[in-house]
C-alpha atoms as a PDB file:
ATOM      1  CA  UNK A   1     -26.385  14.953  -4.923  1.00  0.00           C
ATOM      2  CA  UNK A   2     -25.214  11.458  -4.339  1.00  0.00           C
ATOM      3  CA  UNK A   3     -22.506  10.025  -2.037  1.00  0.00           C
ATOM      4  CA  UNK A   4     -18.877   9.150  -3.794  1.00  0.00           C
ATOM      5  CA  UNK A   5     -19.516   5.752  -3.010  1.00  0.00           C
ATOM      6  CA  UNK A   6     -16.650   4.360  -4.676  1.00  0.00           C
ATOM      7  CA  UNK A   7     -13.897   2.378  -3.025  1.00  0.00           C
ATOM      8  CA  UNK A   8     -11.339   4.719  -0.960  1.00  0.00           C
ATOM      9  CA  UNK A   9      -8.383   2.453  -2.174  1.00  0.00           C
ATOM     10  CA  UNK A  10      -8.726   3.829  -5.542  1.00  0.00           C
ATOM     11  CA  UNK A  11      -8.059   7.379  -4.496  1.00  0.00           C
ATOM     12  CA  UNK A  12      -4.126   8.110  -5.660  1.00  0.00           C
ATOM     13  CA  UNK A  13      -3.357   9.713  -2.441  1.00  0.00           C
ATOM     14  CA  UNK A  14      -4.054   6.619  -0.653  1.00  0.00           C
ATOM     15  CA  UNK A  15      -2.658   4.408  -3.169  1.00  0.00           C
ATOM     16  CA  UNK A  16       0.856   6.549  -2.913  1.00  0.00           C
ATOM     17  CA  UNK A  17       0.814   6.148   0.834  1.00  0.00           C
ATOM     18  CA  UNK A  18       0.173   2.358   0.667  1.00  0.00           C
ATOM     19  CA  UNK A  19       2.949   2.594  -1.731  1.00  0.00           C
ATOM     20  CA  UNK A  20       5.788   4.795   0.609  1.00  0.00           C
ATOM     21  CA  UNK A  21       4.704   2.522   3.384  1.00  0.00           C
ATOM     22  CA  UNK A  22       5.540  -1.094   1.602  1.00  0.00           C
ATOM     23  CA  UNK A  23       8.947   0.475  -0.290  1.00  0.00           C
ATOM     24  CA  UNK A  24       9.400   1.552   3.810  1.00  0.00           C
ATOM     25  CA  UNK A  25       9.457  -1.329   4.519  1.00  0.00           C
ATOM     26  CA  UNK A  26      11.456  -3.327   2.154  1.00  0.00           C
ATOM     27  CA  UNK A  27      14.242  -0.929   2.345  1.00  0.00           C
ATOM     28  CA  UNK A  28      14.493  -1.157   5.501  1.00  0.00           C
ATOM     29  CA  UNK A  29      14.504  -4.643   6.010  1.00  0.00           C
ATOM     30  CA  UNK A  30      16.846  -4.511   2.930  1.00  0.00           C
ATOM     31  CA  UNK A  31      19.170  -2.652   5.038  1.00  0.00           C
ATOM     32  CA  UNK A  32      18.855  -4.160   8.454  1.00  0.00           C
ATOM     33  CA  UNK A  33      19.521  -7.378   6.016  1.00  0.00           C
ATOM     34  CA  UNK A  34      23.191  -6.127   4.664  1.00  0.00           C
ATOM     35  CA  UNK A  35      23.920  -4.784   7.694  1.00  0.00           C
ATOM     36  CA  UNK A  36      25.169  -7.730   8.789  1.00  0.00           C
ATOM     37  CA  UNK A  37      22.471  -8.495  11.354  1.00  0.00           C
ATOM     38  CA  UNK A  38      21.985 -12.467  10.053  1.00  0.00           C
ATOM     39  CA  UNK A  39      24.756 -14.457   9.478  1.00  0.00           C
ATOM     40  CA  UNK A  40      25.866 -14.972   5.423  1.00  0.00           C
ATOM     41  CA  UNK A  41      24.764 -18.899   5.510  1.00  0.00           C
ATOM     42  CA  UNK A  42      21.176 -17.473   6.762  1.00  0.00           C
ATOM     43  CA  UNK A  43      21.388 -15.015   4.458  1.00  0.00           C
ATOM     44  CA  UNK A  44      21.457 -17.199   1.762  1.00  0.00           C
ATOM     45  CA  UNK A  45      19.025 -19.593   2.808  1.00  0.00           C
ATOM     46  CA  UNK A  46      16.658 -17.265   3.255  1.00  0.00           C
ATOM     47  CA  UNK A  47      15.405 -18.501   7.207  1.00  0.00           C
ATOM     48  CA  UNK A  48      13.851 -16.536   9.720  1.00  0.00           C
ATOM     49  CA  UNK A  49      15.918 -14.123  11.904  1.00  0.00           C
ATOM     50  CA  UNK A  50      13.685 -15.216  14.854  1.00  0.00           C
ATOM     51  CA  UNK A  51      14.023 -18.960  15.020  1.00  0.00           C
ATOM     52  CA  UNK A  52      13.738 -21.010  18.502  1.00  0.00           C
ATOM     53  CA  UNK A  53      17.536 -21.483  17.950  1.00  0.00           C
ATOM     54  CA  UNK A  54      17.407 -17.521  17.535  1.00  0.00           C
ATOM     55  CA  UNK A  55      15.438 -17.049  20.596  1.00  0.00           C
ATOM     56  CA  UNK A  56      17.747 -19.362  23.199  1.00  0.00           C
ATOM     57  CA  UNK A  57      21.527 -17.610  22.127  1.00  0.00           C
ATOM     58  CA  UNK A  58      19.478 -14.479  21.951  1.00  0.00           C
ATOM     59  CA  UNK A  59      17.993 -15.493  25.938  1.00  0.00           C
ATOM     60  CA  UNK A  60      21.543 -16.978  26.661  1.00  0.00           C
ATOM     61  CA  UNK A  61      23.784 -13.541  25.920  1.00  0.00           C
ATOM     62  CA  UNK A  62      21.105 -11.731  27.894  1.00  0.00           C
ATOM     63  CA  UNK A  63      21.615 -13.751  30.743  1.00  0.00           C
ATOM     64  CA  UNK A  64      25.220 -13.517  30.729  1.00  0.00           C
ATOM     65  CA  UNK A  65      25.842  -9.794  29.509  1.00  0.00           C
ATOM     66  CA  UNK A  66      22.628  -8.432  31.555  1.00  0.00           C
ATOM     67  CA  UNK A  67      23.411 -10.641  34.284  1.00  0.00           C
ATOM     68  CA  UNK A  68      19.849 -11.495  34.846  1.00  0.00           C
ATOM     69  CA  UNK A  69      18.234 -12.947  37.519  1.00  0.00           C
ATOM     70  CA  UNK A  70      16.327 -16.552  36.692  1.00  0.00           C
ATOM     71  CA  UNK A  71      12.864 -14.558  37.735  1.00  0.00           C
ATOM     72  CA  UNK A  72      13.762 -11.796  34.957  1.00  0.00           C
ATOM     73  CA  UNK A  73      15.599 -14.732  32.524  1.00  0.00           C
ATOM     74  CA  UNK A  74      11.505 -16.140  32.602  1.00  0.00           C
ATOM     75  CA  UNK A  75      10.158 -12.556  32.393  1.00  0.00           C
ATOM     76  CA  UNK A  76      12.413 -12.420  29.135  1.00  0.00           C
ATOM     77  CA  UNK A  77      12.207 -15.607  27.848  1.00  0.00           C
ATOM     78  CA  UNK A  78       8.496 -14.969  27.752  1.00  0.00           C
ATOM     79  CA  UNK A  79       8.642 -11.770  25.747  1.00  0.00           C
ATOM     80  CA  UNK A  80      11.063 -13.435  23.012  1.00  0.00           C
ATOM     81  CA  UNK A  81       8.212 -15.795  22.580  1.00  0.00           C
ATOM     82  CA  UNK A  82       5.511 -13.275  22.186  1.00  0.00           C
ATOM     83  CA  UNK A  83       7.515 -11.586  20.415  1.00  0.00           C
ATOM     84  CA  UNK A  84       8.436 -14.536  18.049  1.00  0.00           C
ATOM     85  CA  UNK A  85       4.286 -15.913  17.801  1.00  0.00           C
ATOM     86  CA  UNK A  86       4.053 -11.748  16.866  1.00  0.00           C
ATOM     87  CA  UNK A  87       7.082 -11.720  14.336  1.00  0.00           C
ATOM     88  CA  UNK A  88       5.912 -15.156  12.058  1.00  0.00           C
ATOM     89  CA  UNK A  89       2.415 -14.021  12.354  1.00  0.00           C
ATOM     90  CA  UNK A  90       3.600 -10.814  11.140  1.00  0.00           C
ATOM     91  CA  UNK A  91       5.524 -12.221   7.987  1.00  0.00           C
ATOM     92  CA  UNK A  92       2.357 -14.841   7.457  1.00  0.00           C
ATOM     93  CA  UNK A  93       0.689 -11.711   7.008  1.00  0.00           C
ATOM     94  CA  UNK A  94       3.210 -10.117   4.658  1.00  0.00           C
ATOM     95  CA  UNK A  95       3.208 -13.261   2.552  1.00  0.00           C
ATOM     96  CA  UNK A  96      -0.533 -12.758   2.400  1.00  0.00           C
ATOM     97  CA  UNK A  97      -0.398  -9.193   0.692  1.00  0.00           C
ATOM     98  CA  UNK A  98       2.310  -9.490  -1.781  1.00  0.00           C
ATOM     99  CA  UNK A  99       0.893 -12.873  -3.292  1.00  0.00           C
ATOM    100  CA  UNK A 100      -2.280 -11.331  -3.536  1.00  0.00           C
ATOM    101  CA  UNK A 101      -0.524  -8.587  -4.527  1.00  0.00           C
ATOM    102  CA  UNK A 102       0.645 -10.073  -7.308  1.00  0.00           C
ATOM    103  CA  UNK A 103      -1.821 -12.257  -8.292  1.00  0.00           C
ATOM    104  CA  UNK A 104      -4.477  -8.972  -8.418  1.00  0.00           C
ATOM    105  CA  UNK A 105      -1.130  -7.444 -11.310  1.00  0.00           C
ATOM    106  CA  UNK A 106      -1.148 -10.560 -12.750  1.00  0.00           C
ATOM    107  CA  UNK A 107      -4.604 -10.479 -13.784  1.00  0.00           C
ATOM    108  CA  UNK A 108      -4.132  -6.890 -15.341  1.00  0.00           C
ATOM    109  CA  UNK A 109      -1.170  -7.882 -17.137  1.00  0.00           C
ATOM    110  CA  UNK A 110      -1.149  -9.180 -21.249  1.00  0.00           C
ATOM    111  CA  UNK A 111       0.928 -12.501 -21.279  1.00  0.00           C
ATOM    112  CA  UNK A 112       4.028 -10.331 -22.150  1.00  0.00           C
ATOM    113  CA  UNK A 113       3.774  -8.103 -19.905  1.00  0.00           C
ATOM    114  CA  UNK A 114       3.059 -11.054 -17.290  1.00  0.00           C
ATOM    115  CA  UNK A 115       6.805 -12.365 -18.359  1.00  0.00           C
ATOM    116  CA  UNK A 116       8.718  -9.003 -17.867  1.00  0.00           C
ATOM    117  CA  UNK A 117       6.876  -8.855 -14.954  1.00  0.00           C
ATOM    118  CA  UNK A 118       7.966 -11.911 -13.062  1.00  0.00           C
ATOM    119  CA  UNK A 119      11.538 -11.323 -14.530  1.00  0.00           C
ATOM    120  CA  UNK A 120      11.553  -7.859 -12.886  1.00  0.00           C
ATOM    121  CA  UNK A 121      10.809  -9.812  -9.266  1.00  0.00           C
ATOM    122  CA  UNK A 122      13.098 -12.716 -10.276  1.00  0.00           C
ATOM    123  CA  UNK A 123      15.800  -9.650 -10.259  1.00  0.00           C
ATOM    124  CA  UNK A 124      14.707  -7.875  -6.813  1.00  0.00           C
ATOM    125  CA  UNK A 125      14.532 -10.929  -5.001  1.00  0.00           C
ATOM    126  CA  UNK A 126      18.327 -11.834  -6.415  1.00  0.00           C
ATOM    127  CA  UNK A 127      19.477  -7.900  -5.357  1.00  0.00           C
ATOM    128  CA  UNK A 128      18.157  -8.680  -2.134  1.00  0.00           C
ATOM    129  CA  UNK A 129      19.586 -12.087  -1.195  1.00  0.00           C
ATOM    130  CA  UNK A 130      23.142 -10.139  -1.768  1.00  0.00           C
END
């Protein structure tokens, strides 16, 4: 008997799990944005939550409200720097995954389906910015 050499990602269960993980991330991200984590100006510009300025604001607030010692403030700053790098790396990876998935879907679709797919994506993006 020949072993099954088909790609594991073609398994419907794997595809379903990946889809659920992606959708869960999209929903939780939308909920965070809608909860007011970002100011209205940042929501409309699509700016990243963790920017250098955002880190400084967070660090100042932590220093004040938590009454951090200089040593603690330095350690917290290091953690924020690490988090910012990690977050940006993950964001870049997610952008690459989305672009790759979109490209693969576009290659499958006919021209009329591609136009409709693009419109669907535009509508989803417009809803996320609201």
